[in-house]
Structures are given as C-alpha cells and as structure tokens.
Amino acid sequence: MHEHHLVQHLLTEALQQVPSGKRATRITVSLSPDAHMDETSVRLHVENLATDTALDGAEIVIQPAPARLFCAACNKLVERPAGAFNCPACGQPARPAPFASGLTLVGVIVI
C-alpha cells in the first residue's frame, strides 16, 4: 500500500500550508505514471486521510504529469516519451527517476 504512505506525506506537506484556524478549499496535486497509482486511488486516500483535518472536504484537483527518466550520460532528469526508455536528448539508455514518487503537491487554496 505505497499509496497510503505517499498520500500521507503529501497531506502533511499540504497541512503545513494551512494557517491555524483556516481550512483548505482546494488541494492541487500532480500525478505521473511514476506514482504507479490512478486518480481514483489518490482521491480515495486523500478523502480518507484528510478526515477531521483542515483539509477535510477540500476539492481535489489532479493534474497529469509526465513520467521522468534519469539519464546518467547527461546527468539530468528528462521527460520520458511514451513507451521509450532512452534519453530524448542523447539517445542513451536511461532509467526511471529513482527519487520521484510521481505524486507531488502543486498548491493549496485556503479560506
């Protein structure tokens, strides 16, 4: 259940952006194939883990994001073209970005 841990970390980060006594009305996240989860799973986990917090009831906006690769030859992260595992810049074999969860917080709207 890696989804639980990733969403829990994301919500901890989101809660840090909500001042005491305020509530979030919208949570925007970026989701890429690197997360190995779908939108429905993310929404269910957010709704469950946000219960009784300043994030409870907030609209969840999910923005698609591209998968990333790490190219050792270029020593940088690159966007992974669909179905490809070679660096689009140099053509060398690349590997999935080892440190990217694929689920990131974009922003929180607070009232």
PDB file of N, CA and C in Angstrom:
ATOM      1  N   MET A   1       0.833  -1.185   0.000  1.00  0.00           N
ATOM      2  CA  MET A   1       0.000   0.000   0.000  1.00  0.00           C
ATOM      3  C   MET A   1       0.880   1.253   0.000  1.00  0.00           C
ATOM      4  N   HIS A   2       1.695   1.397  -1.040  1.00  0.00           N
ATOM      5  CA  HIS A   2       2.540   2.581  -1.117  1.00  0.00           C
ATOM      6  C   HIS A   2       1.724   3.847  -1.287  1.00  0.00           C
ATOM      7  N   GLU A   3       0.497   3.719  -1.796  1.00  0.00           N
ATOM      8  CA  GLU A   3      -0.355   4.899  -1.969  1.00  0.00           C
ATOM      9  C   GLU A   3      -0.594   5.604  -0.638  1.00  0.00           C
ATOM     10  N   HIS A   4      -0.863   4.822   0.398  1.00  0.00           N
ATOM     11  CA  HIS A   4      -1.165   5.385   1.712  1.00  0.00           C
ATOM     12  C   HIS A   4      -0.006   6.269   2.192  1.00  0.00           C
ATOM     13  N   HIS A   5       1.199   5.745   2.110  1.00  0.00           N
ATOM     14  CA  HIS A   5       2.368   6.485   2.567  1.00  0.00           C
ATOM     15  C   HIS A   5       2.597   7.752   1.735  1.00  0.00           C
ATOM     16  N   LEU A   6       2.487   7.633   0.417  1.00  0.00           N
ATOM     17  CA  LEU A   6       2.717   8.797  -0.449  1.00  0.00           C
ATOM     18  C   LEU A   6       1.678   9.892  -0.218  1.00  0.00           C
ATOM     19  N   VAL A   7       0.412   9.483  -0.102  1.00  0.00           N
ATOM     20  CA  VAL A   7      -0.650  10.477   0.121  1.00  0.00           C
ATOM     21  C   VAL A   7      -0.522  11.080   1.513  1.00  0.00           C
ATOM     22  N   GLN A   8      -0.163  10.273   2.495  1.00  0.00           N
ATOM     23  CA  GLN A   8       0.022  10.790   3.851  1.00  0.00           C
ATOM     24  C   GLN A   8       1.123  11.854   3.867  1.00  0.00           C
ATOM     25  N   HIS A   9       2.228  11.607   3.182  1.00  0.00           N
ATOM     26  CA  HIS A   9       3.317  12.583   3.093  1.00  0.00           C
ATOM     27  C   HIS A   9       2.838  13.858   2.390  1.00  0.00           C
ATOM     28  N   LEU A  10       2.082  13.699   1.316  1.00  0.00           N
ATOM     29  CA  LEU A  10       1.550  14.831   0.568  1.00  0.00           C
ATOM     30  C   LEU A  10       0.628  15.684   1.451  1.00  0.00           C
ATOM     31  N   LEU A  11      -0.238  15.036   2.228  1.00  0.00           N
ATOM     32  CA  LEU A  11      -1.165  15.776   3.086  1.00  0.00           C
ATOM     33  C   LEU A  11      -0.447  16.459   4.239  1.00  0.00           C
ATOM     34  N   THR A  12       0.605  15.857   4.741  1.00  0.00           N
ATOM     35  CA  THR A  12       1.411  16.510   5.779  1.00  0.00           C
ATOM     36  C   THR A  12       1.995  17.802   5.236  1.00  0.00           C
ATOM     37  N   GLU A  13       2.492  17.738   4.021  1.00  0.00           N
ATOM     38  CA  GLU A  13       3.030  18.928   3.357  1.00  0.00           C
ATOM     39  C   GLU A  13       1.930  19.971   3.131  1.00  0.00           C
ATOM     40  N   ALA A  14       0.746  19.526   2.715  1.00  0.00           N
ATOM     41  CA  ALA A  14      -0.374  20.447   2.479  1.00  0.00           C
ATOM     42  C   ALA A  14      -0.827  21.114   3.774  1.00  0.00           C
ATOM     43  N   LEU A  15      -0.897  20.351   4.845  1.00  0.00           N
ATOM     44  CA  LEU A  15      -1.333  20.916   6.136  1.00  0.00           C
ATOM     45  C   LEU A  15      -0.386  22.009   6.632  1.00  0.00           C
ATOM     46  N   GLN A  16       0.868  21.905   6.292  1.00  0.00           N
ATOM     47  CA  GLN A  16       1.840  22.929   6.689  1.00  0.00           C
ATOM     48  C   GLN A  16       1.559  24.265   6.013  1.00  0.00           C
ATOM     49  N   GLN A  17       0.781  24.253   4.930  1.00  0.00           N
ATOM     50  CA  GLN A  17       0.448  25.479   4.211  1.00  0.00           C
ATOM     51  C   GLN A  17      -0.873  26.097   4.675  1.00  0.00           C
ATOM     52  N   VAL A  18      -1.543  25.444   5.614  1.00  0.00           N
ATOM     53  CA  VAL A  18      -2.830  25.943   6.101  1.00  0.00           C
ATOM     54  C   VAL A  18      -2.614  26.571   7.478  1.00  0.00           C
ATOM     55  N   PRO A  19      -2.788  27.892   7.585  1.00  0.00           N
ATOM     56  CA  PRO A  19      -2.619  28.553   8.875  1.00  0.00           C
ATOM     57  C   PRO A  19      -3.646  28.043   9.897  1.00  0.00           C
ATOM     58  N   SER A  20      -3.277  28.133  11.148  1.00  0.00           N
ATOM     59  CA  SER A  20      -4.156  27.705  12.238  1.00  0.00           C
ATOM     60  C   SER A  20      -5.493  28.434  12.158  1.00  0.00           C
ATOM     61  N   GLY A  21      -6.572  27.685  12.309  1.00  0.00           N
ATOM     62  CA  GLY A  21      -7.909  28.259  12.267  1.00  0.00           C
ATOM     63  C   GLY A  21      -8.491  28.409  10.872  1.00  0.00           C
ATOM     64  N   LYS A  22      -7.724  28.073   9.854  1.00  0.00           N
ATOM     65  CA  LYS A  22      -8.189  28.175   8.462  1.00  0.00           C
ATOM     66  C   LYS A  22      -8.480  26.786   7.917  1.00  0.00           C
ATOM     67  N   ARG A  23      -9.143  26.753   6.742  1.00  0.00           N
ATOM     68  CA  ARG A  23      -9.467  25.497   6.071  1.00  0.00           C
ATOM     69  C   ARG A  23      -9.058  25.589   4.610  1.00  0.00           C
ATOM     70  N   ALA A  24      -8.659  24.457   4.061  1.00  0.00           N
ATOM     71  CA  ALA A  24      -8.332  24.402   2.637  1.00  0.00           C
ATOM     72  C   ALA A  24      -9.616  24.162   1.854  1.00  0.00           C
ATOM     73  N   THR A  25      -9.749  24.853   0.732  1.00  0.00           N
ATOM     74  CA  THR A  25     -10.894  24.614  -0.145  1.00  0.00           C
ATOM     75  C   THR A  25     -10.492  23.806  -1.370  1.00  0.00           C
ATOM     76  N   ARG A  26      -9.195  23.825  -1.703  1.00  0.00           N
ATOM     77  CA  ARG A  26      -8.721  23.084  -2.869  1.00  0.00           C
ATOM     78  C   ARG A  26      -7.293  22.604  -2.617  1.00  0.00           C
ATOM     79  N   ILE A  27      -7.051  21.359  -3.002  1.00  0.00           N
ATOM     80  CA  ILE A  27      -5.711  20.784  -2.983  1.00  0.00           C
ATOM     81  C   ILE A  27      -5.412  20.374  -4.417  1.00  0.00           C
ATOM     82  N   THR A  28      -4.341  20.917  -4.976  1.00  0.00           N
ATOM     83  CA  THR A  28      -3.956  20.566  -6.341  1.00  0.00           C
ATOM     84  C   THR A  28      -2.687  19.730  -6.278  1.00  0.00           C
ATOM     85  N   VAL A  29      -2.737  18.569  -6.936  1.00  0.00           N
ATOM     86  CA  VAL A  29      -1.594  17.672  -6.970  1.00  0.00           C
ATOM     87  C   VAL A  29      -1.237  17.329  -8.406  1.00  0.00           C
ATOM     88  N   SER A  30      -0.014  16.928  -8.591  1.00  0.00           N
ATOM     89  CA  SER A  30       0.485  16.478  -9.882  1.00  0.00           C
ATOM     90  C   SER A  30       0.684  14.967  -9.776  1.00  0.00           C
ATOM     91  N   LEU A  31       0.174  14.228 -10.759  1.00  0.00           N
ATOM     92  CA  LEU A  31       0.255  12.772 -10.744  1.00  0.00           C
ATOM     93  C   LEU A  31       0.842  12.279 -12.059  1.00  0.00           C
ATOM     94  N   SER A  32       1.943  11.546 -11.967  1.00  0.00           N
ATOM     95  CA  SER A  32       2.553  10.979 -13.166  1.00  0.00           C
ATOM     96  C   SER A  32       2.526   9.458 -13.085  1.00  0.00           C
ATOM     97  N   PRO A  33       2.805   8.801 -14.184  1.00  0.00           N
ATOM     98  CA  PRO A  33       2.866   7.333 -14.159  1.00  0.00           C
ATOM     99  C   PRO A  33       3.903   6.798 -13.176  1.00  0.00           C
ATOM    100  N   ASP A  34       4.883   7.630 -12.777  1.00  0.00           N
ATOM    101  CA  ASP A  34       5.891   7.212 -11.803  1.00  0.00           C
ATOM    102  C   ASP A  34       5.264   6.838 -10.464  1.00  0.00           C
ATOM    103  N   ALA A  35       4.072   7.337 -10.184  1.00  0.00           N
ATOM    104  CA  ALA A  35       3.413   7.061  -8.905  1.00  0.00           C
ATOM    105  C   ALA A  35       2.840   5.654  -8.847  1.00  0.00           C
ATOM    106  N   HIS A  36       2.605   5.047  -9.994  1.00  0.00           N
ATOM    107  CA  HIS A  36       2.024   3.700 -10.062  1.00  0.00           C
ATOM    108  C   HIS A  36       0.697   3.624  -9.325  1.00  0.00           C
ATOM    109  N   MET A  37      -0.108   4.662  -9.473  1.00  0.00           N
ATOM    110  CA  MET A  37      -1.460   4.676  -8.925  1.00  0.00           C
ATOM    111  C   MET A  37      -2.337   5.516  -9.835  1.00  0.00           C
ATOM    112  N   ASP A  38      -3.641   5.354  -9.695  1.00  0.00           N
ATOM    113  CA  ASP A  38      -4.540   6.118 -10.550  1.00  0.00           C
ATOM    114  C   ASP A  38      -5.243   7.215  -9.753  1.00  0.00           C
ATOM    115  N   GLU A  39      -5.962   8.062 -10.476  1.00  0.00           N
ATOM    116  CA  GLU A  39      -6.648   9.197  -9.848  1.00  0.00           C
ATOM    117  C   GLU A  39      -7.648   8.752  -8.793  1.00  0.00           C
ATOM    118  N   THR A  40      -8.378   7.687  -9.072  1.00  0.00           N
ATOM    119  CA  THR A  40      -9.385   7.214  -8.117  1.00  0.00           C
ATOM    120  C   THR A  40      -8.736   6.837  -6.793  1.00  0.00           C
ATOM    121  N   SER A  41      -7.630   6.139  -6.857  1.00  0.00           N
ATOM    122  CA  SER A  41      -6.919   5.744  -5.648  1.00  0.00           C
ATOM    123  C   SER A  41      -6.426   6.969  -4.869  1.00  0.00           C
ATOM    124  N   VAL A  42      -5.881   7.930  -5.582  1.00  0.00           N
ATOM    125  CA  VAL A  42      -5.404   9.152  -4.920  1.00  0.00           C
ATOM    126  C   VAL A  42      -6.565   9.862  -4.234  1.00  0.00           C
ATOM    127  N   ARG A  43      -7.661  10.018  -4.932  1.00  0.00           N
ATOM    128  CA  ARG A  43      -8.828  10.707  -4.353  1.00  0.00           C
ATOM    129  C   ARG A  43      -9.338   9.991  -3.099  1.00  0.00           C
ATOM    130  N   LEU A  44      -9.456   8.671  -3.169  1.00  0.00           N
ATOM    131  CA  LEU A  44      -9.948   7.914  -2.013  1.00  0.00           C
ATOM    132  C   LEU A  44      -9.011   8.040  -0.823  1.00  0.00           C
ATOM    133  N   HIS A  45      -7.719   7.977  -1.070  1.00  0.00           N
ATOM    134  CA  HIS A  45      -6.763   8.113   0.029  1.00  0.00           C
ATOM    135  C   HIS A  45      -6.783   9.528   0.619  1.00  0.00           C
ATOM    136  N   VAL A  46      -6.857  10.535  -0.234  1.00  0.00           N
ATOM    137  CA  VAL A  46      -6.915  11.911   0.272  1.00  0.00           C
ATOM    138  C   VAL A  46      -8.170  12.103   1.118  1.00  0.00           C
ATOM    139  N   GLU A  47      -9.307  11.683   0.599  1.00  0.00           N
ATOM    140  CA  GLU A  47     -10.553  11.852   1.347  1.00  0.00           C
ATOM    141  C   GLU A  47     -10.490  11.136   2.692  1.00  0.00           C
ATOM    142  N   ASN A  48      -9.937   9.940   2.712  1.00  0.00           N
ATOM    143  CA  ASN A  48      -9.847   9.167   3.947  1.00  0.00           C
ATOM    144  C   ASN A  48      -8.874   9.804   4.940  1.00  0.00           C
ATOM    145  N   LEU A  49      -7.680  10.155   4.481  1.00  0.00           N
ATOM    146  CA  LEU A  49      -6.653  10.681   5.376  1.00  0.00           C
ATOM    147  C   LEU A  49      -6.890  12.138   5.785  1.00  0.00           C
ATOM    148  N   ALA A  50      -7.681  12.869   5.028  1.00  0.00           N
ATOM    149  CA  ALA A  50      -7.935  14.282   5.342  1.00  0.00           C
ATOM    150  C   ALA A  50      -9.091  14.456   6.333  1.00  0.00           C
ATOM    151  N   THR A  51      -9.798  13.392   6.641  1.00  0.00           N
ATOM    152  CA  THR A  51     -10.935  13.473   7.553  1.00  0.00           C
ATOM    153  C   THR A  51     -10.512  14.093   8.879  1.00  0.00           C
ATOM    154  N   ASP A  52     -11.318  15.037   9.352  1.00  0.00           N
ATOM    155  CA  ASP A  52     -11.098  15.735  10.630  1.00  0.00           C
ATOM    156  C   ASP A  52      -9.807  16.556  10.661  1.00  0.00           C
ATOM    157  N   THR A  53      -9.368  17.026   9.496  1.00  0.00           N
ATOM    158  CA  THR A  53      -8.230  17.943   9.430  1.00  0.00           C
ATOM    159  C   THR A  53      -8.683  19.209   8.716  1.00  0.00           C
ATOM    160  N   ALA A  54      -7.794  20.166   8.607  1.00  0.00           N
ATOM    161  CA  ALA A  54      -8.102  21.415   7.890  1.00  0.00           C
ATOM    162  C   ALA A  54      -8.240  21.185   6.387  1.00  0.00           C
ATOM    163  N   LEU A  55      -7.975  19.961   5.935  1.00  0.00           N
ATOM    164  CA  LEU A  55      -8.103  19.617   4.518  1.00  0.00           C
ATOM    165  C   LEU A  55      -9.405  18.889   4.220  1.00  0.00           C
ATOM    166  N   ASP A  56     -10.146  18.545   5.252  1.00  0.00           N
ATOM    167  CA  ASP A  56     -11.381  17.770   5.101  1.00  0.00           C
ATOM    168  C   ASP A  56     -12.377  18.514   4.221  1.00  0.00           C
ATOM    169  N   GLY A  57     -12.854  17.848   3.179  1.00  0.00           N
ATOM    170  CA  GLY A  57     -13.849  18.424   2.282  1.00  0.00           C
ATOM    171  C   GLY A  57     -13.283  19.288   1.171  1.00  0.00           C
ATOM    172  N   ALA A  58     -11.975  19.452   1.124  1.00  0.00           N
ATOM    173  CA  ALA A  58     -11.373  20.280   0.073  1.00  0.00           C
ATOM    174  C   ALA A  58     -11.529  19.595  -1.284  1.00  0.00           C
ATOM    175  N   GLU A  59     -11.716  20.399  -2.308  1.00  0.00           N
ATOM    176  CA  GLU A  59     -11.750  19.884  -3.681  1.00  0.00           C
ATOM    177  C   GLU A  59     -10.357  19.343  -4.012  1.00  0.00           C
ATOM    178  N   ILE A  60     -10.320  18.213  -4.683  1.00  0.00           N
ATOM    179  CA  ILE A  60      -9.049  17.610  -5.068  1.00  0.00           C
ATOM    180  C   ILE A  60      -8.895  17.754  -6.579  1.00  0.00           C
ATOM    181  N   VAL A  61      -7.889  18.510  -6.991  1.00  0.00           N
ATOM    182  CA  VAL A  61      -7.610  18.717  -8.412  1.00  0.00           C
ATOM    183  C   VAL A  61      -6.337  17.941  -8.738  1.00  0.00           C
ATOM    184  N   ILE A  62      -6.441  17.070  -9.737  1.00  0.00           N
ATOM    185  CA  ILE A  62      -5.289  16.251 -10.118  1.00  0.00           C
ATOM    186  C   ILE A  62      -4.849  16.635 -11.526  1.00  0.00           C
ATOM    187  N   GLN A  63      -3.612  17.098 -11.622  1.00  0.00           N
ATOM    188  CA  GLN A  63      -3.032  17.480 -12.909  1.00  0.00           C
ATOM    189  C   GLN A  63      -2.121  16.350 -13.392  1.00  0.00           C
ATOM    190  N   PRO A  64      -2.273  15.922 -14.635  1.00  0.00           N
ATOM    191  CA  PRO A  64      -1.374  14.884 -15.142  1.00  0.00           C
ATOM    192  C   PRO A  64       0.036  15.440 -15.322  1.00  0.00           C
ATOM    193  N   ALA A  65       1.013  14.609 -15.052  1.00  0.00           N
ATOM    194  CA  ALA A  65       2.417  14.994 -15.230  1.00  0.00           C
ATOM    195  C   ALA A  65       3.129  13.878 -15.980  1.00  0.00           C
ATOM    196  N   PRO A  66       4.144  14.227 -16.730  1.00  0.00           N
ATOM    197  CA  PRO A  66       4.865  13.201 -17.494  1.00  0.00           C
ATOM    198  C   PRO A  66       5.742  12.334 -16.591  1.00  0.00           C
ATOM    199  N   ALA A  67       5.991  11.120 -17.032  1.00  0.00           N
ATOM    200  CA  ALA A  67       6.965  10.268 -16.357  1.00  0.00           C
ATOM    201  C   ALA A  67       8.358  10.848 -16.596  1.00  0.00           C
ATOM    202  N   ARG A  68       9.265  10.567 -15.694  1.00  0.00           N
ATOM    203  CA  ARG A  68      10.627  11.099 -15.801  1.00  0.00           C
ATOM    204  C   ARG A  68      11.636   9.958 -15.843  1.00  0.00           C
ATOM    205  N   LEU A  69      12.740  10.227 -16.494  1.00  0.00           N
ATOM    206  CA  LEU A  69      13.870   9.307 -16.535  1.00  0.00           C
ATOM    207  C   LEU A  69      15.104  10.041 -16.029  1.00  0.00           C
ATOM    208  N   PHE A  70      16.049   9.279 -15.480  1.00  0.00           N
ATOM    209  CA  PHE A  70      17.351   9.851 -15.159  1.00  0.00           C
ATOM    210  C   PHE A  70      18.336   9.339 -16.188  1.00  0.00           C
ATOM    211  N   CYS A  71      18.997  10.248 -16.863  1.00  0.00           N
ATOM    212  CA  CYS A  71      20.000   9.895 -17.869  1.00  0.00           C
ATOM    213  C   CYS A  71      21.382  10.086 -17.242  1.00  0.00           C
ATOM    214  N   ALA A  72      22.110   8.979 -17.061  1.00  0.00           N
ATOM    215  CA  ALA A  72      23.451   9.059 -16.486  1.00  0.00           C
ATOM    216  C   ALA A  72      24.416   9.760 -17.442  1.00  0.00           C
ATOM    217  N   ALA A  73      24.211   9.578 -18.748  1.00  0.00           N
ATOM    218  CA  ALA A  73      25.094  10.216 -19.726  1.00  0.00           C
ATOM    219  C   ALA A  73      24.971  11.739 -19.685  1.00  0.00           C
ATOM    220  N   CYS A  74      23.750  12.235 -19.545  1.00  0.00           N
ATOM    221  CA  CYS A  74      23.506  13.683 -19.471  1.00  0.00           C
ATOM    222  C   CYS A  74      23.556  14.192 -18.030  1.00  0.00           C
ATOM    223  N   ASN A  75      23.425  13.266 -17.063  1.00  0.00           N
ATOM    224  CA  ASN A  75      23.366  13.588 -15.637  1.00  0.00           C
ATOM    225  C   ASN A  75      22.216  14.537 -15.320  1.00  0.00           C
ATOM    226  N   LYS A  76      21.031  14.207 -15.880  1.00  0.00           N
ATOM    227  CA  LYS A  76      19.873  15.046 -15.599  1.00  0.00           C
ATOM    228  C   LYS A  76      18.577  14.247 -15.739  1.00  0.00           C
ATOM    229  N   LEU A  77      17.523  14.819 -15.183  1.00  0.00           N
ATOM    230  CA  LEU A  77      16.186  14.256 -15.336  1.00  0.00           C
ATOM    231  C   LEU A  77      15.605  14.736 -16.648  1.00  0.00           C
ATOM    232  N   VAL A  78      14.958  13.824 -17.355  1.00  0.00           N
ATOM    233  CA  VAL A  78      14.333  14.174 -18.628  1.00  0.00           C
ATOM    234  C   VAL A  78      12.925  13.614 -18.649  1.00  0.00           C
ATOM    235  N   GLU A  79      12.064  14.223 -19.430  1.00  0.00           N
ATOM    236  CA  GLU A  79      10.712  13.719 -19.600  1.00  0.00           C
ATOM    237  C   GLU A  79      10.779  12.453 -20.447  1.00  0.00           C
ATOM    238  N   ARG A  80      10.058  11.421 -19.995  1.00  0.00           N
ATOM    239  CA  ARG A  80      10.083  10.143 -20.711  1.00  0.00           C
ATOM    240  C   ARG A  80       9.030  10.131 -21.799  1.00  0.00           C
ATOM    241  N   PRO A  81       9.447  10.005 -23.053  1.00  0.00           N
ATOM    242  CA  PRO A  81       8.464   9.855 -24.121  1.00  0.00           C
ATOM    243  C   PRO A  81       7.693   8.542 -23.917  1.00  0.00           C
ATOM    244  N   ALA A  82       6.445   8.506 -24.300  1.00  0.00           N
ATOM    245  CA  ALA A  82       5.609   7.310 -24.130  1.00  0.00           C
ATOM    246  C   ALA A  82       6.281   6.095 -24.752  1.00  0.00           C
ATOM    247  N   GLY A  83       6.410   5.034 -23.958  1.00  0.00           N
ATOM    248  CA  GLY A  83       6.954   3.781 -24.435  1.00  0.00           C
ATOM    249  C   GLY A  83       8.458   3.744 -24.648  1.00  0.00           C
ATOM    250  N   ALA A  84       9.155   4.793 -24.273  1.00  0.00           N
ATOM    251  CA  ALA A  84      10.601   4.855 -24.508  1.00  0.00           C
ATOM    252  C   ALA A  84      11.377   4.875 -23.196  1.00  0.00           C
ATOM    253  N   PHE A  85      12.575   4.319 -23.224  1.00  0.00           N
ATOM    254  CA  PHE A  85      13.446   4.370 -22.054  1.00  0.00           C
ATOM    255  C   PHE A  85      14.841   4.855 -22.421  1.00  0.00           C
ATOM    256  N   ASN A  86      14.944   5.493 -23.563  1.00  0.00           N
ATOM    257  CA  ASN A  86      16.195   6.146 -23.952  1.00  0.00           C
ATOM    258  C   ASN A  86      16.033   7.644 -23.747  1.00  0.00           C
ATOM    259  N   CYS A  87      17.126   8.298 -23.402  1.00  0.00           N
ATOM    260  CA  CYS A  87      17.114   9.746 -23.192  1.00  0.00           C
ATOM    261  C   CYS A  87      16.758  10.433 -24.510  1.00  0.00           C
ATOM    262  N   PRO A  88      15.752  11.317 -24.488  1.00  0.00           N
ATOM    263  CA  PRO A  88      15.391  12.020 -25.719  1.00  0.00           C
ATOM    264  C   PRO A  88      16.458  13.025 -26.171  1.00  0.00           C
ATOM    265  N   ALA A  89      17.361  13.408 -25.264  1.00  0.00           N
ATOM    266  CA  ALA A  89      18.398  14.375 -25.622  1.00  0.00           C
ATOM    267  C   ALA A  89      19.606  13.719 -26.289  1.00  0.00           C
ATOM    268  N   CYS A  90      20.058  12.567 -25.724  1.00  0.00           N
ATOM    269  CA  CYS A  90      21.301  11.966 -26.249  1.00  0.00           C
ATOM    270  C   CYS A  90      21.106  10.563 -26.817  1.00  0.00           C
ATOM    271  N   GLY A  91      19.940   9.952 -26.582  1.00  0.00           N
ATOM    272  CA  GLY A  91      19.659   8.628 -27.127  1.00  0.00           C
ATOM    273  C   GLY A  91      20.192   7.465 -26.308  1.00  0.00           C
ATOM    274  N   GLN A  92      20.927   7.758 -25.238  1.00  0.00           N
ATOM    275  CA  GLN A  92      21.475   6.695 -24.383  1.00  0.00           C
ATOM    276  C   GLN A  92      20.374   6.090 -23.506  1.00  0.00           C
ATOM    277  N   PRO A  93      20.549   4.829 -23.093  1.00  0.00           N
ATOM    278  CA  PRO A  93      19.567   4.234 -22.182  1.00  0.00           C
ATOM    279  C   PRO A  93      19.495   5.031 -20.880  1.00  0.00           C
ATOM    280  N   ALA A  94      18.296   5.203 -20.397  1.00  0.00           N
ATOM    281  CA  ALA A  94      18.071   5.930 -19.145  1.00  0.00           C
ATOM    282  C   ALA A  94      17.218   5.046 -18.247  1.00  0.00           C
ATOM    283  N   ARG A  95      17.102   5.425 -16.980  1.00  0.00           N
ATOM    284  CA  ARG A  95      16.304   4.626 -16.047  1.00  0.00           C
ATOM    285  C   ARG A  95      15.249   5.508 -15.384  1.00  0.00           C
ATOM    286  N   PRO A  96      14.173   4.889 -14.914  1.00  0.00           N
ATOM    287  CA  PRO A  96      13.159   5.690 -14.217  1.00  0.00           C
ATOM    288  C   PRO A  96      13.795   6.474 -13.072  1.00  0.00           C
ATOM    289  N   ALA A  97      13.340   7.675 -12.876  1.00  0.00           N
ATOM    290  CA  ALA A  97      13.874   8.532 -11.815  1.00  0.00           C
ATOM    291  C   ALA A  97      13.682   7.842 -10.473  1.00  0.00           C
ATOM    292  N   PRO A  98      14.765   7.498  -9.777  1.00  0.00           N
ATOM    293  CA  PRO A  98      14.650   6.703  -8.557  1.00  0.00           C
ATOM    294  C   PRO A  98      14.083   7.448  -7.367  1.00  0.00           C
ATOM    295  N   PHE A  99      14.111   8.762  -7.384  1.00  0.00           N
ATOM    296  CA  PHE A  99      13.700   9.527  -6.219  1.00  0.00           C
ATOM    297  C   PHE A  99      12.383  10.252  -6.424  1.00  0.00           C
ATOM    298  N   ALA A 100      11.730  10.028  -7.540  1.00  0.00           N
ATOM    299  CA  ALA A 100      10.460  10.695  -7.808  1.00  0.00           C
ATOM    300  C   ALA A 100       9.304   9.771  -7.448  1.00  0.00           C
ATOM    301  N   SER A 101       8.390  10.262  -6.624  1.00  0.00           N
ATOM    302  CA  SER A 101       7.239   9.432  -6.269  1.00  0.00           C
ATOM    303  C   SER A 101       6.166   9.503  -7.347  1.00  0.00           C
ATOM    304  N   GLY A 102       6.196  10.561  -8.152  1.00  0.00           N
ATOM    305  CA  GLY A 102       5.170  10.729  -9.164  1.00  0.00           C
ATOM    306  C   GLY A 102       3.926  11.428  -8.643  1.00  0.00           C
ATOM    307  N   LEU A 103       3.903  11.708  -7.347  1.00  0.00           N
ATOM    308  CA  LEU A 103       2.779  12.413  -6.724  1.00  0.00           C
ATOM    309  C   LEU A 103       3.348  13.590  -5.956  1.00  0.00           C
ATOM    310  N   THR A 104       3.045  14.803  -6.424  1.00  0.00           N
ATOM    311  CA  THR A 104       3.583  15.989  -5.769  1.00  0.00           C
ATOM    312  C   THR A 104       2.494  17.026  -5.520  1.00  0.00           C
ATOM    313  N   LEU A 105       2.678  17.789  -4.474  1.00  0.00           N
ATOM    314  CA  LEU A 105       1.748  18.862  -4.142  1.00  0.00           C
ATOM    315  C   LEU A 105       2.070  20.062  -5.017  1.00  0.00           C
ATOM    316  N   VAL A 106       1.046  20.569  -5.699  1.00  0.00           N
ATOM    317  CA  VAL A 106       1.200  21.761  -6.531  1.00  0.00           C
ATOM    318  C   VAL A 106       0.824  22.994  -5.719  1.00  0.00           C
ATOM    319  N   GLY A 107      -0.298  22.908  -4.996  1.00  0.00           N
ATOM    320  CA  GLY A 107      -0.729  24.045  -4.204  1.00  0.00           C
ATOM    321  C   GLY A 107      -1.970  23.764  -3.376  1.00  0.00           C
ATOM    322  N   VAL A 108      -2.207  24.662  -2.438  1.00  0.00           N
ATOM    323  CA  VAL A 108      -3.360  24.575  -1.542  1.00  0.00           C
ATOM    324  C   VAL A 108      -4.035  25.943  -1.520  1.00  0.00           C
ATOM    325  N   ILE A 109      -5.347  25.961  -1.724  1.00  0.00           N
ATOM    326  CA  ILE A 109      -6.115  27.188  -1.608  1.00  0.00           C
ATOM    327  C   ILE A 109      -6.762  27.187  -0.227  1.00  0.00           C
ATOM    328  N   VAL A 110      -6.580  28.272   0.509  1.00  0.00           N
ATOM    329  CA  VAL A 110      -7.052  28.364   1.890  1.00  0.00           C
ATOM    330  C   VAL A 110      -8.061  29.495   2.021  1.00  0.00           C
ATOM    331  N   ILE A 111      -9.103  29.265   2.850  1.00  0.00           N
ATOM    332  CA  ILE A 111     -10.055  30.346   3.155  1.00  0.00           C
ATOM    333  C   ILE A 111      -9.891  30.779   4.595  1.00  0.00           C
TER     334      ILE A 111
END
